[in-house]
Amino acid sequence: MLDDQSAAEARPAAQPSTPAWPTEYPDAYAVVDVETTGLARDDRIVSAAVYRLDARGDVIDHWYTPVNPQRDPGPTWIHGLTSEMLADAPLFPQIAEEFAERLRGRVLVAHNAVFDWSMIAREYARARLTVPVRQRLCTIALSKELDLPLANHRLETLAAHYGVVQRRAHHALDDARVLAETFRPSLHLAAADRIRLPLLACRPLTEWTDSIVSPGTASSGAFGGRDSRPYAGSWRPSRRRPPCPYPNPGRYAPGRPLVQGMRVAISGDTSVDRELLEDRAVEAGLHISGSVSRLTSLLVTNDPDSGTSKVAKARAFGTPVIDEAAFTQLLREVAPAPEE
């Protein structure tokens, strides 16, 4: 584990000072990045990094740790961590308290925050602990609020926009550093224009998950078999979402990006918890629909041959159908709603 109390981090050129800092803005932030064994709900964290920032985005300190996932580390060609490198790393419960202390009382900031939050929340749920954070901020959503002139919303594109040099992509500590250095000028731009920050609630899984099945008792083994679903069959109450602010632009055209305002329905099991997948879609500006109608833009399902009513209606209406993996990829670059 690395723990550096020095605030002497390289930063982009200082932003013009704002005449009055918005009093409604949070007092502190925790910029987070986690690398994982994969994207499914039974995948594990293999490394984590946190940059603690003050109210105006200045770095206080940073922290990093590898984590032994107790299973194959997954895409080593992406995060660079092998089984041998992680063999002596601490287990998540061993770093949970220190990790929590880095998050306590702060807004969790991440690039595609719903993913990092979901992975962190699941690790704490497995450890029978609660994450001490109640709000998150996605830097993709903030970039959209600021209307930054970006070709796409990848982290490297945001870094290039602010002149931040990325030294080691997909290393949790360097990704967190890059994100901290790009978040600060974005925060100052938002403050200067009195833009409301796109904060979302972080509800620990234990608050809405009725039961958690230990991976060790799953039917296909302890670590990530096909039928190993730590949250399969869990119950959660439905919740009302605010109406989508964008008009429906029509159906999704295969091969083209999603557009804000599109009505999306989801059918069947998903690898990412349904509520978290829906949160991510809503953050991107899409409308989540509980049923399929002639107005539905797209149906997401991992079983297009199933006989569910949604699939049957989509077939009858000619509604485009894609799987969860394709939908997740499309969520990375949702086109803005057409101007009226």
Protein backbone atom coordinates (compact mmCIF):
# COMPACT_ATOMS: atom_id res chain seq x y z
CA MET A 1 0.00 0.00 0.00
CA LEU A 2 1.11 3.52 -0.75
CA ASP A 3 0.20 6.39 1.49
CA ASP A 4 1.48 9.86 0.63
CA GLN A 5 0.41 12.78 2.78
CA SER A 6 2.06 15.30 0.48
CA ALA A 7 -0.22 17.62 -1.45
CA ALA A 8 2.52 18.55 -3.88
CA GLU A 9 0.87 16.96 -6.90
CA ALA A 10 1.36 18.30 -10.40
CA ARG A 11 -1.73 20.25 -11.41
CA PRO A 12 -2.91 22.00 -14.56
CA ALA A 13 -2.62 25.77 -14.79
CA ALA A 14 -4.55 27.50 -12.02
CA GLN A 15 -8.12 28.38 -12.91
CA PRO A 16 -9.45 31.91 -12.50
CA SER A 17 -10.73 32.38 -8.98
CA THR A 18 -14.47 32.53 -8.56
CA PRO A 19 -15.98 35.60 -6.90
CA ALA A 20 -17.98 33.47 -4.46
CA TRP A 21 -17.76 29.72 -4.04
CA PRO A 22 -21.21 28.08 -4.10
CA THR A 23 -22.18 27.38 -0.51
CA GLU A 24 -24.24 24.35 -1.57
CA TYR A 25 -21.20 22.52 -2.96
CA PRO A 26 -19.77 19.62 -0.91
CA ASP A 27 -17.00 20.19 1.63
CA ALA A 28 -14.77 17.32 0.53
CA TYR A 29 -14.29 14.76 -2.22
CA ALA A 30 -12.71 11.33 -2.63
CA VAL A 31 -11.58 10.68 -6.20
CA VAL A 32 -11.63 6.91 -6.65
CA ASP A 33 -10.53 4.35 -9.19
CA VAL A 34 -10.76 0.58 -8.88
CA GLU A 35 -9.45 -2.09 -11.22
CA THR A 36 -11.41 -5.33 -11.29
CA THR A 37 -11.44 -8.92 -12.49
CA GLY A 38 -14.32 -8.07 -14.84
CA LEU A 39 -17.64 -6.27 -15.14
CA ALA A 40 -20.10 -8.79 -13.71
CA ARG A 41 -21.68 -8.57 -10.27
CA ASP A 42 -19.58 -11.47 -8.97
CA ASP A 43 -16.28 -9.90 -10.11
CA ARG A 44 -13.81 -8.59 -7.58
CA ILE A 45 -11.56 -5.58 -7.01
CA VAL A 46 -7.84 -6.16 -7.68
CA SER A 47 -6.59 -2.66 -6.84
CA ALA A 48 -7.97 0.59 -5.46
CA ALA A 49 -6.78 4.18 -5.22
CA VAL A 50 -8.18 7.28 -3.54
CA TYR A 51 -7.17 10.93 -3.85
CA ARG A 52 -8.68 13.01 -1.07
CA LEU A 53 -9.55 16.57 -2.13
CA ASP A 54 -10.75 19.59 -0.22
CA ALA A 55 -13.84 21.64 -1.05
CA ARG A 56 -12.14 23.36 -4.01
CA GLY A 57 -10.55 20.27 -5.46
CA ASP A 58 -7.04 20.66 -4.07
CA VAL A 59 -5.23 17.41 -3.26
CA ILE A 60 -4.81 16.56 0.42
CA ASP A 61 -3.23 13.11 0.06
CA HIS A 62 -3.48 9.89 -1.88
CA TRP A 63 -3.56 6.16 -1.16
CA TYR A 64 -3.26 2.96 -3.15
CA THR A 65 -3.42 -0.76 -2.50
CA PRO A 66 -3.49 -3.96 -4.52
CA VAL A 67 -6.16 -6.45 -3.42
CA ASN A 68 -6.07 -10.23 -3.60
CA PRO A 69 -9.37 -11.17 -5.31
CA GLN A 70 -9.07 -14.84 -4.32
CA ARG A 71 -9.67 -15.79 -7.94
CA ASP A 72 -8.19 -15.28 -11.40
CA PRO A 73 -7.36 -11.56 -11.77
CA GLY A 74 -9.09 -11.38 -15.14
CA PRO A 75 -7.84 -9.00 -17.86
CA THR A 76 -4.18 -8.70 -16.84
CA TRP A 77 -3.49 -7.14 -20.25
CA ILE A 78 -5.56 -4.16 -19.07
CA HIS A 79 -4.65 -3.64 -15.40
CA GLY A 80 -1.27 -5.43 -15.48
CA LEU A 81 -1.84 -7.38 -12.25
CA THR A 82 -1.14 -11.12 -12.32
CA SER A 83 -1.96 -13.86 -9.84
CA GLU A 84 1.66 -13.94 -8.74
CA MET A 85 1.69 -10.19 -8.09
CA LEU A 86 -1.51 -10.39 -6.03
CA ALA A 87 -0.71 -13.56 -4.09
CA ASP A 88 0.62 -11.64 -1.07
CA ALA A 89 -1.72 -8.65 -1.41
CA PRO A 90 -4.27 -8.06 1.38
CA LEU A 91 -7.81 -9.36 1.07
CA PHE A 92 -10.54 -6.74 0.77
CA PRO A 93 -11.75 -7.12 4.39
CA GLN A 94 -8.19 -6.35 5.50
CA ILE A 95 -8.15 -2.98 3.73
CA ALA A 96 -11.86 -2.18 4.13
CA GLU A 97 -11.43 -0.01 7.24
CA GLU A 98 -8.60 2.07 5.79
CA PHE A 99 -10.45 2.41 2.48
CA ALA A 100 -13.57 3.49 4.35
CA GLU A 101 -11.65 6.13 6.27
CA ARG A 102 -10.58 7.64 2.94
CA LEU A 103 -14.21 7.87 1.83
CA ARG A 104 -15.86 8.90 5.08
CA GLY A 105 -17.79 12.15 4.89
CA ARG A 106 -16.81 12.79 1.27
CA VAL A 107 -18.49 12.71 -2.11
CA LEU A 108 -17.17 9.78 -4.13
CA VAL A 109 -15.91 11.02 -7.51
CA ALA A 110 -15.19 8.60 -10.35
CA HIS A 111 -15.23 8.37 -14.13
CA ASN A 112 -18.36 6.32 -14.85
CA ALA A 113 -19.08 6.46 -11.13
CA VAL A 114 -21.91 3.93 -11.16
CA PHE A 115 -19.41 1.18 -12.03
CA ASP A 116 -16.82 2.06 -9.37
CA TRP A 117 -19.56 2.54 -6.79
CA SER A 118 -21.23 -0.78 -7.59
CA MET A 119 -17.94 -2.69 -7.31
CA ILE A 120 -17.03 -0.99 -4.02
CA ALA A 121 -20.51 -1.47 -2.56
CA ARG A 122 -20.50 -5.17 -3.41
CA GLU A 123 -17.10 -5.71 -1.79
CA TYR A 124 -18.33 -4.09 1.41
CA ALA A 125 -21.53 -6.13 1.29
CA ARG A 126 -19.49 -9.34 1.01
CA ALA A 127 -17.51 -8.22 4.06
CA ARG A 128 -20.81 -7.49 5.89
CA LEU A 129 -19.79 -3.84 6.20
CA THR A 130 -21.35 -0.57 5.10
CA VAL A 131 -19.58 2.00 2.94
CA PRO A 132 -19.46 5.36 4.75
CA VAL A 133 -20.37 7.49 1.74
CA ARG A 134 -23.76 8.76 0.71
CA GLN A 135 -23.23 10.67 -2.53
CA ARG A 136 -21.31 10.15 -5.75
CA LEU A 137 -20.41 12.36 -8.67
CA CYS A 138 -19.67 11.04 -12.15
CA THR A 139 -17.11 13.10 -14.07
CA ILE A 140 -18.74 12.01 -17.34
CA ALA A 141 -22.01 13.56 -16.18
CA LEU A 142 -20.15 16.69 -15.01
CA SER A 143 -18.42 17.05 -18.38
CA LYS A 144 -21.83 16.92 -20.05
CA GLU A 145 -23.22 19.52 -17.66
CA LEU A 146 -20.28 21.78 -18.53
CA ASP A 147 -20.75 21.07 -22.25
CA LEU A 148 -17.03 20.51 -22.68
CA PRO A 149 -15.92 20.21 -26.34
CA LEU A 150 -14.93 16.55 -26.14
CA ALA A 151 -14.90 14.06 -29.01
CA ASN A 152 -15.99 11.39 -26.53
CA HIS A 153 -16.11 10.91 -22.78
CA ARG A 154 -13.13 8.62 -22.26
CA LEU A 155 -10.78 9.54 -19.43
CA GLU A 156 -7.86 10.02 -21.81
CA THR A 157 -9.93 12.50 -23.85
CA LEU A 158 -10.84 14.48 -20.75
CA ALA A 159 -7.19 14.43 -19.67
CA ALA A 160 -6.04 15.73 -23.05
CA HIS A 161 -8.60 18.53 -22.86
CA TYR A 162 -7.02 19.82 -19.66
CA GLY A 163 -3.43 19.02 -20.64
CA VAL A 164 -3.04 16.31 -18.02
CA VAL A 165 -0.46 13.64 -18.92
CA GLN A 166 -1.51 10.07 -18.28
CA ARG A 167 1.56 8.01 -17.36
CA ARG A 168 0.08 4.56 -16.81
CA ALA A 169 -3.46 4.01 -18.05
CA HIS A 170 -5.56 1.46 -16.14
CA HIS A 171 -3.31 1.58 -13.10
CA ALA A 172 -5.65 2.59 -10.29
CA LEU A 173 -3.28 5.13 -8.74
CA ASP A 174 -2.45 6.89 -12.01
CA ASP A 175 -6.06 6.87 -13.21
CA ALA A 176 -7.11 8.40 -9.88
CA ARG A 177 -4.37 11.04 -10.20
CA VAL A 178 -5.45 11.94 -13.72
CA LEU A 179 -9.06 12.13 -12.63
CA ALA A 180 -8.19 14.34 -9.64
CA GLU A 181 -6.24 16.71 -11.89
CA THR A 182 -9.10 16.95 -14.38
CA PHE A 183 -11.82 17.18 -11.74
CA ARG A 184 -10.36 20.31 -10.16
CA PRO A 185 -10.67 22.57 -13.23
CA SER A 186 -14.09 21.09 -14.00
CA LEU A 187 -15.20 21.88 -10.46
CA HIS A 188 -13.97 25.46 -10.80
CA LEU A 189 -15.76 25.90 -14.13
CA ALA A 190 -18.95 24.62 -12.56
CA ALA A 191 -18.54 26.97 -9.59
CA ALA A 192 -17.90 29.95 -11.84
CA ASP A 193 -21.17 29.34 -13.71
CA ARG A 194 -23.08 28.27 -10.58
CA ILE A 195 -23.84 24.91 -12.20
CA ARG A 196 -25.59 22.41 -10.01
CA LEU A 197 -23.33 19.40 -9.52
CA PRO A 198 -24.81 16.09 -10.77
CA LEU A 199 -24.78 14.38 -7.38
CA LEU A 200 -26.50 11.02 -6.94
CA ALA A 201 -27.27 9.04 -3.82
CA CYS A 202 -25.08 6.07 -2.85
CA ARG A 203 -27.21 3.49 -1.12
CA PRO A 204 -25.18 0.59 0.29
CA LEU A 205 -26.36 -2.77 -0.96
CA THR A 206 -27.30 -3.85 2.54
CA GLU A 207 -29.98 -1.16 2.53
CA TRP A 208 -31.96 -2.77 -0.27
CA THR A 209 -30.64 -6.30 -0.69
CA ASP A 210 -32.72 -8.79 1.26
CA SER A 211 -30.20 -11.61 1.09
CA ILE A 212 -26.68 -12.20 -0.11
CA VAL A 213 -25.65 -15.66 -1.23
CA SER A 214 -22.02 -16.33 -0.48
CA PRO A 215 -19.98 -17.04 -3.63
CA GLY A 216 -18.65 -20.09 -1.80
CA THR A 217 -22.11 -21.64 -1.83
CA ALA A 218 -22.85 -20.92 -5.50
CA SER A 219 -23.57 -23.92 -7.66
CA SER A 220 -20.54 -23.54 -9.92
CA GLY A 221 -17.82 -22.99 -7.36
CA ALA A 222 -16.40 -20.33 -5.13
CA PHE A 223 -15.03 -17.88 -7.62
CA GLY A 224 -17.10 -16.77 -10.53
CA GLY A 225 -18.64 -19.84 -12.13
CA ARG A 226 -21.30 -19.17 -14.74
CA ASP A 227 -24.12 -19.70 -12.27
CA SER A 228 -22.29 -18.00 -9.40
CA ARG A 229 -24.58 -15.06 -8.67
CA PRO A 230 -23.96 -13.49 -5.27
CA TYR A 231 -27.10 -11.38 -5.61
CA ALA A 232 -29.31 -13.63 -7.71
CA GLY A 233 -32.87 -13.53 -6.49
CA SER A 234 -32.27 -10.60 -4.15
CA TRP A 235 -35.21 -8.30 -3.52
CA ARG A 236 -35.24 -4.55 -3.67
CA PRO A 237 -38.09 -2.06 -3.53
CA SER A 238 -38.92 -0.15 -6.68
CA ARG A 239 -38.14 3.54 -6.62
CA ARG A 240 -39.49 6.46 -8.53
CA ARG A 241 -37.14 8.25 -10.85
CA PRO A 242 -37.43 11.87 -12.00
CA PRO A 243 -38.86 12.23 -15.50
CA CYS A 244 -36.35 12.23 -18.33
CA PRO A 245 -35.70 15.86 -19.32
CA TYR A 246 -35.18 15.05 -23.01
CA PRO A 247 -37.80 14.28 -25.67
CA ASN A 248 -37.80 10.82 -27.21
CA PRO A 249 -35.77 11.03 -30.46
CA GLY A 250 -37.19 7.74 -31.74
CA ARG A 251 -35.83 4.26 -32.19
CA TYR A 252 -32.23 3.24 -31.83
CA ALA A 253 -30.49 2.72 -35.19
CA PRO A 254 -28.05 -0.22 -35.10
CA GLY A 255 -24.48 0.91 -35.64
CA ARG A 256 -25.20 4.43 -34.41
CA PRO A 257 -24.93 5.86 -30.87
CA LEU A 258 -27.71 6.06 -28.35
CA VAL A 259 -29.27 9.52 -28.04
CA GLN A 260 -30.42 11.21 -24.87
CA GLY A 261 -34.15 10.82 -24.38
CA MET A 262 -34.38 7.34 -25.91
CA ARG A 263 -36.80 5.01 -24.11
CA VAL A 264 -35.01 1.84 -23.01
CA ALA A 265 -36.59 -1.29 -21.57
CA ILE A 266 -34.61 -4.12 -19.94
CA SER A 267 -35.76 -7.73 -19.82
CA GLY A 268 -34.40 -10.73 -17.92
CA ASP A 269 -31.27 -11.23 -15.83
CA THR A 270 -28.33 -8.85 -16.14
CA SER A 271 -24.76 -9.38 -14.97
CA VAL A 272 -24.63 -5.89 -13.44
CA ASP A 273 -27.37 -5.41 -10.86
CA ARG A 274 -30.47 -4.11 -12.64
CA GLU A 275 -30.83 -0.99 -10.52
CA LEU A 276 -27.21 -0.02 -11.05
CA LEU A 277 -27.49 -0.57 -14.80
CA GLU A 278 -30.62 1.58 -14.85
CA ASP A 279 -28.85 4.27 -12.79
CA ARG A 280 -26.09 4.39 -15.35
CA ALA A 281 -28.58 4.72 -18.20
CA VAL A 282 -30.45 7.51 -16.41
CA GLU A 283 -27.17 9.32 -15.73
CA ALA A 284 -26.49 9.21 -19.47
CA GLY A 285 -29.82 10.90 -20.19
CA LEU A 286 -31.91 7.89 -21.20
CA HIS A 287 -35.47 7.10 -20.14
CA ILE A 288 -35.91 3.73 -18.43
CA SER A 289 -39.27 2.20 -19.22
CA GLY A 290 -40.86 -0.67 -17.34
CA SER A 291 -42.65 -1.97 -20.43
CA VAL A 292 -42.34 -2.12 -24.20
CA SER A 293 -44.61 -0.05 -26.45
CA ARG A 294 -44.49 1.40 -29.95
CA LEU A 295 -42.55 4.32 -28.46
CA THR A 296 -39.77 2.14 -27.04
CA SER A 297 -36.42 2.95 -28.64
CA LEU A 298 -34.56 -0.18 -27.58
CA LEU A 299 -34.92 -3.42 -25.63
CA VAL A 300 -31.91 -4.77 -23.72
CA THR A 301 -31.91 -8.49 -22.99
CA ASN A 302 -29.37 -11.27 -22.68
CA ASP A 303 -31.97 -13.81 -23.82
CA PRO A 304 -33.63 -12.58 -27.03
CA ASP A 305 -35.24 -16.00 -27.59
CA SER A 306 -37.10 -15.97 -24.30
CA GLY A 307 -40.87 -15.79 -24.27
CA THR A 308 -41.20 -12.80 -21.97
CA SER A 309 -43.87 -10.24 -22.75
CA LYS A 310 -41.25 -7.55 -23.37
CA VAL A 311 -39.43 -9.67 -25.95
CA ALA A 312 -42.71 -10.64 -27.61
CA LYS A 313 -43.85 -7.03 -27.84
CA ALA A 314 -40.47 -5.88 -29.15
CA ARG A 315 -40.70 -8.51 -31.87
CA ALA A 316 -44.25 -7.44 -32.74
CA PHE A 317 -43.38 -3.72 -32.84
CA GLY A 318 -40.04 -4.18 -34.61
CA THR A 319 -38.20 -2.66 -31.65
CA PRO A 320 -34.39 -3.08 -31.89
CA VAL A 321 -32.95 -5.62 -29.43
CA ILE A 322 -29.36 -5.75 -28.14
CA ASP A 323 -27.62 -7.57 -25.30
CA GLU A 324 -26.25 -6.09 -22.08
CA ALA A 325 -22.62 -6.04 -23.27
CA ALA A 326 -23.49 -4.01 -26.36
CA PHE A 327 -25.69 -1.69 -24.31
CA THR A 328 -22.90 -1.12 -21.76
CA GLN A 329 -20.54 -0.24 -24.60
CA LEU A 330 -23.05 2.21 -26.08
CA LEU A 331 -23.54 3.88 -22.69
CA ARG A 332 -19.95 5.13 -22.85
CA GLU A 333 -20.80 7.62 -25.59
CA VAL A 334 -24.43 8.68 -25.58
CA ALA A 335 -25.11 11.46 -28.08
CA PRO A 336 -26.65 14.67 -26.72
CA ALA A 337 -30.33 15.33 -27.34
CA PRO A 338 -31.00 17.28 -30.53
CA GLU A 339 -31.54 20.98 -30.01
CA GLU A 340 -35.11 22.09 -30.48
